[in-house]
Amino acid sequence: MKKIVVLDGITLGNVDFDKLKEFGELVYFDKTNADEVADRVKDAAIVLTNKVVLNRENLKDASKLELICEMATGFNNIDIEYAKERNIAVTNVAGYSTPTVAQHTFATLLHLYDKISYYDNFVKSGAYSSSGLFTNLDKPYNIEGKRWGIVGLGAIGRKVAHIADAFGCEVVYYSTSGKNNSSDYRRVELDELLRECDIISIHAPLNENTQSLFNYENISKMKKDAVLINMGRGPIVVDEDLAKAIDEELIAGAALDVFMVEPMTADNPFLKVKNKDRLVLTPHIAWASIEARERLFKDLIENIHAFYRGEARNRIV
C-alpha cells in the first residue's frame, strides 16, 4: 500500500485530508520542522507540502517517492533539479485564488482610500455625536479617474485590471519579464509606472527580475499621493525601504499581505512606523478564503489521479 504524507496540513486549514486515503495509507502532520523531514518522508510514495522545504539532503533516502504535490502555486521550496535527477514528479496548483486575491486587493485599497478606520473611530468615539454636523469632510477620496499600474499581468493581475476598469480607472501595466503583451491595456516601462500611477498593485512572482524591485530608490520615484499594494511575493518590496518612505511621507500609503520574512519578525520595520494610518497589513491571507482552499484541494486530488493515469496535469517535473 502506498504511503501518503502531509507535512504541513495546518497551512490549508479545515479541508478534508481523509480524501487522500483513496490513494493509500495517510500520515498527516500539522507542521514539520526541518530536522524532521527526512524521517517523515523516507517511506512515502506521495508527499504533500506547502512551505516545508524538500531538498537533496532530506529526500536522499526517500527511495519510494514518486510524487511531490505542492499545496500552492509557488514551488521554490522544492529542489526541482534533484526531483528531475530522481525522476520524482512534482505538481502544483494554480488559479484557485484569483478571485480571492483580487477581492483582497480592493478591500485593502478601499480601506486606505476611504479611511475606514478613521471614520469608524470618529463615530465610535462619540466625536460624530458631538460634532454638530451630519457628515465629516476630513478625508474624502475617489478611485474613479485614477491611473492604476499593475506589476504582473497574469490571471490575478488581469482580474484586478478588469475590476479597476469597472471603478473607472485607467489601467496600465509593467511586464517584469519584458515578454508579456496585452491588447486590452497599455504596457509601460517601470519608470513611467512609478512616476505616473496613482495606485500600483503587485501580482508578480518572485524571481531575479522582481527581487527587491520596490526598493527605496524606486519607491522615491512614485507620486506623493500614490498608494502601493503588494499581493504578490514579500521580497519584491524591501520592507525597511517602504517603512522609511512611509514615515518620510514620500507616498500616501501602502497595503501589504506579504512580507520579506513570514511570519513577520518582531523587529519588522513596519511595526515601528510612525504613520500607521498610512499602512494596511494583513498576514498572507489574500489567497485563503474557504472557497479558494477547497478549490486548491480538489485540484490537488485531481493532480494525483492524473499522475497515476499517466497524464501530465499541472506537472512541473
Protein backbone atom coordinates (compact mmCIF):
# COMPACT_ATOMS: atom_id res chain seq x y z
CA MET A 1 0.00 0.00 0.00
CA LYS A 2 1.29 3.45 -0.93
CA LYS A 3 2.05 5.89 1.88
CA ILE A 4 0.86 9.49 1.55
CA VAL A 5 2.50 12.03 3.88
CA VAL A 6 1.12 15.52 4.51
CA LEU A 7 3.92 17.62 6.03
CA ASP A 8 2.18 20.89 6.92
CA GLY A 9 -1.56 20.37 6.63
CA ILE A 10 -2.36 23.22 9.00
CA THR A 11 -1.46 25.65 6.21
CA LEU A 12 -4.66 24.67 4.38
CA GLY A 13 -6.85 24.78 7.46
CA ASN A 14 -10.05 22.76 7.61
CA VAL A 15 -10.02 20.70 4.41
CA ASP A 16 -10.86 17.01 4.32
CA PHE A 17 -7.45 15.35 4.11
CA ASP A 18 -9.15 11.97 4.63
CA LYS A 19 -9.98 12.07 0.92
CA LEU A 20 -6.31 11.17 0.34
CA LYS A 21 -6.95 7.72 1.83
CA GLU A 22 -8.23 6.53 -1.55
CA PHE A 23 -4.59 6.51 -2.66
CA GLY A 24 -3.27 4.50 0.30
CA GLU A 25 -2.16 4.95 3.91
CA LEU A 26 -2.43 8.58 5.05
CA VAL A 27 0.05 10.05 7.53
CA TYR A 28 -0.83 13.60 8.47
CA PHE A 29 1.23 16.26 10.26
CA ASP A 30 0.10 19.77 11.13
CA LYS A 31 3.69 21.02 10.97
CA THR A 32 7.09 19.57 10.17
CA ASN A 33 10.40 21.06 11.32
CA ALA A 34 13.43 20.94 9.05
CA ASP A 35 15.12 18.23 11.14
CA GLU A 36 12.01 16.01 10.95
CA VAL A 37 11.54 15.94 7.18
CA ALA A 38 13.91 13.12 6.22
CA ASP A 39 12.43 10.65 8.70
CA ARG A 40 8.83 11.52 7.80
CA VAL A 41 9.23 11.13 4.03
CA LYS A 42 11.59 8.15 3.87
CA ASP A 43 8.82 5.57 3.19
CA ALA A 44 6.40 7.88 1.35
CA ALA A 45 5.20 7.43 -2.23
CA ILE A 46 3.41 10.79 -2.24
CA VAL A 47 4.39 13.88 -0.23
CA LEU A 48 2.26 16.99 0.17
CA THR A 49 3.99 20.22 1.17
CA ASN A 50 3.18 23.90 1.23
CA LYS A 51 6.07 25.67 2.97
CA VAL A 52 8.24 22.75 4.11
CA VAL A 53 11.50 22.70 2.15
CA LEU A 54 12.27 19.49 0.25
CA ASN A 55 15.84 19.15 -0.99
CA ARG A 56 18.61 16.73 -1.90
CA GLU A 57 19.61 16.20 1.71
CA ASN A 58 16.22 15.33 3.19
CA LEU A 59 14.99 13.38 0.14
CA LYS A 60 18.05 11.22 -0.48
CA ASP A 61 16.67 8.25 1.50
CA ALA A 62 13.09 8.56 0.20
CA SER A 63 13.55 5.66 -2.21
CA LYS A 64 9.81 5.06 -2.73
CA LEU A 65 8.93 8.66 -3.50
CA GLU A 66 7.05 9.05 -6.80
CA LEU A 67 5.19 12.33 -6.48
CA ILE A 68 5.54 15.63 -4.61
CA CYS A 69 2.38 17.73 -4.51
CA GLU A 70 2.93 21.43 -3.87
CA MET A 71 -0.15 22.67 -1.99
CA ALA A 72 0.21 26.09 -3.62
CA THR A 73 1.32 27.75 -6.84
CA GLY A 74 4.87 28.73 -5.92
CA PHE A 75 7.29 25.80 -5.67
CA ASN A 76 10.57 27.48 -4.69
CA ASN A 77 10.61 25.28 -1.56
CA ILE A 78 11.23 22.17 -3.72
CA ASP A 79 14.61 21.23 -5.23
CA ILE A 80 13.35 20.80 -8.80
CA GLU A 81 16.72 19.74 -10.22
CA TYR A 82 17.05 16.93 -7.70
CA ALA A 83 13.47 15.82 -8.43
CA LYS A 84 14.41 15.59 -12.11
CA GLU A 85 17.51 13.54 -11.30
CA ARG A 86 15.44 11.12 -9.26
CA ASN A 87 12.52 11.05 -11.70
CA ILE A 88 10.19 12.30 -8.96
CA ALA A 89 7.13 14.06 -10.39
CA VAL A 90 6.24 17.47 -8.97
CA THR A 91 2.84 19.16 -9.35
CA ASN A 92 1.41 22.45 -8.19
CA VAL A 93 -1.98 24.16 -8.24
CA ALA A 94 -2.69 27.46 -9.98
CA GLY A 95 -5.70 29.70 -10.42
CA TYR A 96 -7.56 28.67 -7.27
CA SER A 97 -7.09 32.02 -5.51
CA THR A 98 -7.59 34.51 -8.35
CA PRO A 99 -10.97 35.93 -7.25
CA THR A 100 -9.97 35.94 -3.58
CA VAL A 101 -6.70 37.82 -4.12
CA ALA A 102 -8.43 40.34 -6.39
CA GLN A 103 -11.09 40.87 -3.71
CA HIS A 104 -8.45 41.42 -1.03
CA THR A 105 -6.59 43.85 -3.26
CA PHE A 106 -9.65 46.09 -3.39
CA ALA A 107 -10.56 45.54 0.27
CA THR A 108 -7.19 46.89 1.37
CA LEU A 109 -7.17 49.70 -1.16
CA LEU A 110 -10.65 50.86 -0.15
CA HIS A 111 -9.64 50.68 3.50
CA LEU A 112 -6.87 53.15 2.69
CA TYR A 113 -8.77 55.31 0.20
CA ASP A 114 -11.99 55.56 2.17
CA LYS A 115 -10.14 55.99 5.51
CA ILE A 116 -12.40 53.40 7.09
CA SER A 117 -10.51 53.19 10.39
CA TYR A 118 -10.53 56.98 10.78
CA TYR A 119 -14.26 57.38 10.16
CA ASP A 120 -15.17 54.29 12.17
CA ASN A 121 -13.23 55.63 15.16
CA PHE A 122 -14.74 59.09 14.63
CA VAL A 123 -18.24 57.68 15.05
CA LYS A 124 -17.49 55.15 17.81
CA SER A 125 -15.54 57.67 19.91
CA GLY A 126 -18.60 59.90 20.17
CA ALA A 127 -16.93 62.70 18.19
CA TYR A 128 -19.59 62.44 15.49
CA SER A 129 -22.40 62.81 18.02
CA SER A 130 -20.88 65.98 19.44
CA SER A 131 -19.77 67.47 16.13
CA GLY A 132 -23.00 69.26 15.26
CA LEU A 133 -22.60 68.24 11.60
CA PHE A 134 -24.31 65.43 9.69
CA THR A 135 -21.05 64.46 7.99
CA ASN A 136 -17.25 64.66 8.20
CA LEU A 137 -15.30 66.01 5.24
CA ASP A 138 -11.77 65.49 6.57
CA LYS A 139 -10.54 62.74 4.26
CA PRO A 140 -12.75 62.01 1.22
CA TYR A 141 -11.08 60.26 -1.74
CA ASN A 142 -12.16 58.78 -5.04
CA ILE A 143 -10.86 55.89 -7.19
CA GLU A 144 -12.57 56.83 -10.44
CA GLY A 145 -10.24 58.58 -12.85
CA LYS A 146 -7.08 57.36 -11.18
CA ARG A 147 -4.30 55.65 -13.14
CA TRP A 148 -3.81 52.12 -11.86
CA GLY A 149 -0.50 50.42 -12.61
CA ILE A 150 -0.25 46.65 -12.41
CA VAL A 151 3.02 44.77 -11.95
CA GLY A 152 2.42 41.25 -13.21
CA LEU A 153 -0.47 40.89 -15.66
CA GLY A 154 -1.15 37.21 -15.08
CA ALA A 155 -4.51 35.76 -14.10
CA ILE A 156 -4.74 37.78 -10.87
CA GLY A 157 -3.39 40.94 -12.48
CA ARG A 158 -5.96 40.70 -15.28
CA LYS A 159 -8.78 40.15 -12.76
CA VAL A 160 -7.67 43.24 -10.83
CA ALA A 161 -7.44 45.21 -14.08
CA HIS A 162 -10.99 44.21 -15.02
CA ILE A 163 -12.36 45.37 -11.65
CA ALA A 164 -10.31 48.57 -11.78
CA ASP A 165 -11.91 49.20 -15.19
CA ALA A 166 -15.32 48.94 -13.54
CA PHE A 167 -14.27 51.55 -10.98
CA GLY A 168 -13.38 53.90 -13.83
CA CYS A 169 -9.59 53.68 -13.57
CA GLU A 170 -7.13 53.96 -16.43
CA VAL A 171 -5.19 50.69 -16.27
CA VAL A 172 -1.58 50.31 -17.42
CA TYR A 173 0.89 47.53 -16.67
CA TYR A 174 4.58 46.75 -16.44
CA SER A 175 5.91 43.42 -17.69
CA THR A 176 8.69 42.24 -15.37
CA SER A 177 9.90 39.73 -17.97
CA GLY A 178 9.59 42.14 -20.88
CA LYS A 179 7.66 39.48 -22.78
CA ASN A 180 4.07 39.97 -21.64
CA ASN A 181 1.82 41.81 -24.08
CA SER A 182 -1.87 42.65 -23.78
CA SER A 183 -4.21 44.15 -26.32
CA ASP A 184 -6.53 45.32 -23.55
CA TYR A 185 -4.15 47.53 -21.55
CA ARG A 186 -1.22 49.78 -22.31
CA ARG A 187 2.20 48.45 -21.40
CA VAL A 188 4.62 50.95 -19.87
CA GLU A 189 8.19 50.88 -18.65
CA LEU A 190 8.88 50.80 -14.92
CA ASP A 191 9.87 54.45 -14.61
CA GLU A 192 6.62 55.62 -16.19
CA LEU A 193 4.60 53.30 -13.97
CA LEU A 194 6.34 54.66 -10.88
CA ARG A 195 6.11 58.33 -11.83
CA GLU A 196 2.60 58.44 -13.30
CA CYS A 197 0.39 55.94 -11.44
CA ASP A 198 -1.86 56.83 -8.52
CA ILE A 199 -2.24 53.19 -7.48
CA ILE A 200 0.32 50.44 -8.06
CA SER A 201 -0.54 46.82 -7.27
CA ILE A 202 1.93 43.94 -7.41
CA HIS A 203 0.76 40.49 -8.59
CA ALA A 204 4.06 39.13 -9.90
CA PRO A 205 6.08 36.03 -8.99
CA LEU A 206 9.38 36.32 -7.16
CA ASN A 207 12.34 35.91 -9.49
CA GLU A 208 15.57 37.67 -10.49
CA ASN A 209 13.55 40.40 -12.22
CA THR A 210 11.31 41.20 -9.25
CA GLN A 211 13.54 40.62 -6.19
CA SER A 212 13.73 43.96 -4.30
CA LEU A 213 12.13 45.75 -7.27
CA PHE A 214 10.40 48.18 -4.93
CA ASN A 215 13.43 49.49 -3.08
CA TYR A 216 13.90 53.00 -1.68
CA GLU A 217 15.15 54.38 -5.00
CA ASN A 218 12.12 53.17 -6.94
CA ILE A 219 9.57 53.98 -4.24
CA SER A 220 11.01 57.52 -4.17
CA LYS A 221 10.00 57.91 -7.83
CA MET A 222 6.31 57.40 -7.01
CA LYS A 223 3.82 60.25 -6.65
CA LYS A 224 3.45 61.65 -3.15
CA ASP A 225 -0.27 60.81 -3.19
CA ALA A 226 0.25 57.31 -4.63
CA VAL A 227 -0.62 54.02 -2.93
CA LEU A 228 1.39 50.78 -3.23
CA ILE A 229 -0.26 47.37 -2.82
CA ASN A 230 1.69 44.10 -2.65
CA MET A 231 -0.33 40.91 -3.15
CA GLY A 232 2.50 39.10 -4.94
CA ARG A 233 5.57 37.95 -3.02
CA GLY A 234 7.06 39.67 0.02
CA PRO A 235 10.67 40.12 -1.17
CA ILE A 236 9.51 42.13 -4.20
CA VAL A 237 9.21 45.03 -1.73
CA VAL A 238 12.07 45.88 0.63
CA ASP A 239 10.28 46.19 3.99
CA GLU A 240 12.79 48.61 5.50
CA ASP A 241 12.77 50.88 2.46
CA LEU A 242 8.98 51.09 2.28
CA ALA A 243 8.70 51.74 6.03
CA LYS A 244 11.20 54.58 5.66
CA ALA A 245 9.30 56.01 2.66
CA ILE A 246 6.02 55.89 4.59
CA ASP A 247 7.46 57.77 7.55
CA GLU A 248 9.07 60.32 5.23
CA GLU A 249 5.65 60.70 3.55
CA LEU A 250 7.14 60.00 0.12
CA ILE A 251 3.92 58.17 -0.78
CA ALA A 252 0.40 58.33 0.62
CA GLY A 253 0.17 54.75 1.82
CA ALA A 254 0.68 51.06 1.30
CA ALA A 255 -1.22 47.80 1.76
CA LEU A 256 0.69 44.54 2.11
CA ASP A 257 -0.39 40.95 2.55
CA VAL A 258 3.13 39.52 2.13
CA PHE A 259 6.48 40.32 3.73
CA MET A 260 10.18 39.58 3.26
CA VAL A 261 10.08 37.10 6.16
CA GLU A 262 6.88 35.26 7.16
CA PRO A 263 5.61 35.23 9.77
CA MET A 264 6.72 38.82 10.27
CA THR A 265 9.55 39.10 12.77
CA ALA A 266 9.06 41.07 16.00
CA ASP A 267 11.56 43.70 14.81
CA ASN A 268 9.99 44.22 11.38
CA PRO A 269 10.24 47.93 10.49
CA PHE A 270 6.53 48.13 9.66
CA LEU A 271 5.72 47.61 13.33
CA LYS A 272 7.70 50.76 14.17
CA VAL A 273 6.22 53.04 11.51
CA LYS A 274 5.03 56.34 12.98
CA ASN A 275 2.42 56.94 10.27
CA LYS A 276 0.47 53.75 10.99
CA ASP A 277 -2.69 55.17 9.42
CA ARG A 278 -0.88 55.02 6.07
CA LEU A 279 -0.39 51.25 6.31
CA VAL A 280 -2.71 48.27 5.99
CA LEU A 281 -1.03 44.97 6.91
CA THR A 282 -2.61 41.51 6.69
CA PRO A 283 -0.97 38.12 7.44
CA HIS A 284 -0.70 36.49 3.99
CA ILE A 285 -4.42 35.75 3.83
CA ALA A 286 -5.40 37.15 0.42
CA TRP A 287 -5.36 33.63 -1.07
CA ALA A 288 -7.03 31.87 1.83
CA SER A 289 -10.80 32.06 1.52
CA ILE A 290 -12.62 28.84 2.35
CA GLU A 291 -13.73 28.57 -1.27
CA ALA A 292 -10.16 29.05 -2.57
CA ARG A 293 -8.74 26.38 -0.26
CA GLU A 294 -11.46 23.95 -1.27
CA ARG A 295 -10.69 24.62 -4.96
CA LEU A 296 -6.99 24.09 -4.27
CA PHE A 297 -7.50 20.76 -2.52
CA LYS A 298 -9.91 19.50 -5.17
CA ASP A 299 -7.36 20.36 -7.86
CA LEU A 300 -4.59 18.69 -5.89
CA ILE A 301 -6.58 15.44 -5.65
CA GLU A 302 -7.14 15.55 -9.41
CA ASN A 303 -3.37 16.07 -9.92
CA ILE A 304 -2.73 12.79 -8.10
CA HIS A 305 -5.38 10.97 -10.14
CA ALA A 306 -3.85 12.39 -13.34
CA PHE A 307 -0.36 11.29 -12.33
CA TYR A 308 -1.45 7.69 -11.90
CA ARG A 309 -3.31 7.85 -15.20
CA GLY A 310 -0.06 8.86 -16.84
CA GLU A 311 -1.20 12.42 -17.57
CA ALA A 312 0.99 15.50 -17.14
CA ARG A 313 -1.64 17.65 -15.44
CA ASN A 314 -0.08 20.63 -13.61
CA ARG A 315 3.30 18.89 -13.80
CA ILE A 316 6.39 20.97 -13.12
CA VAL A 317 8.63 17.92 -13.41
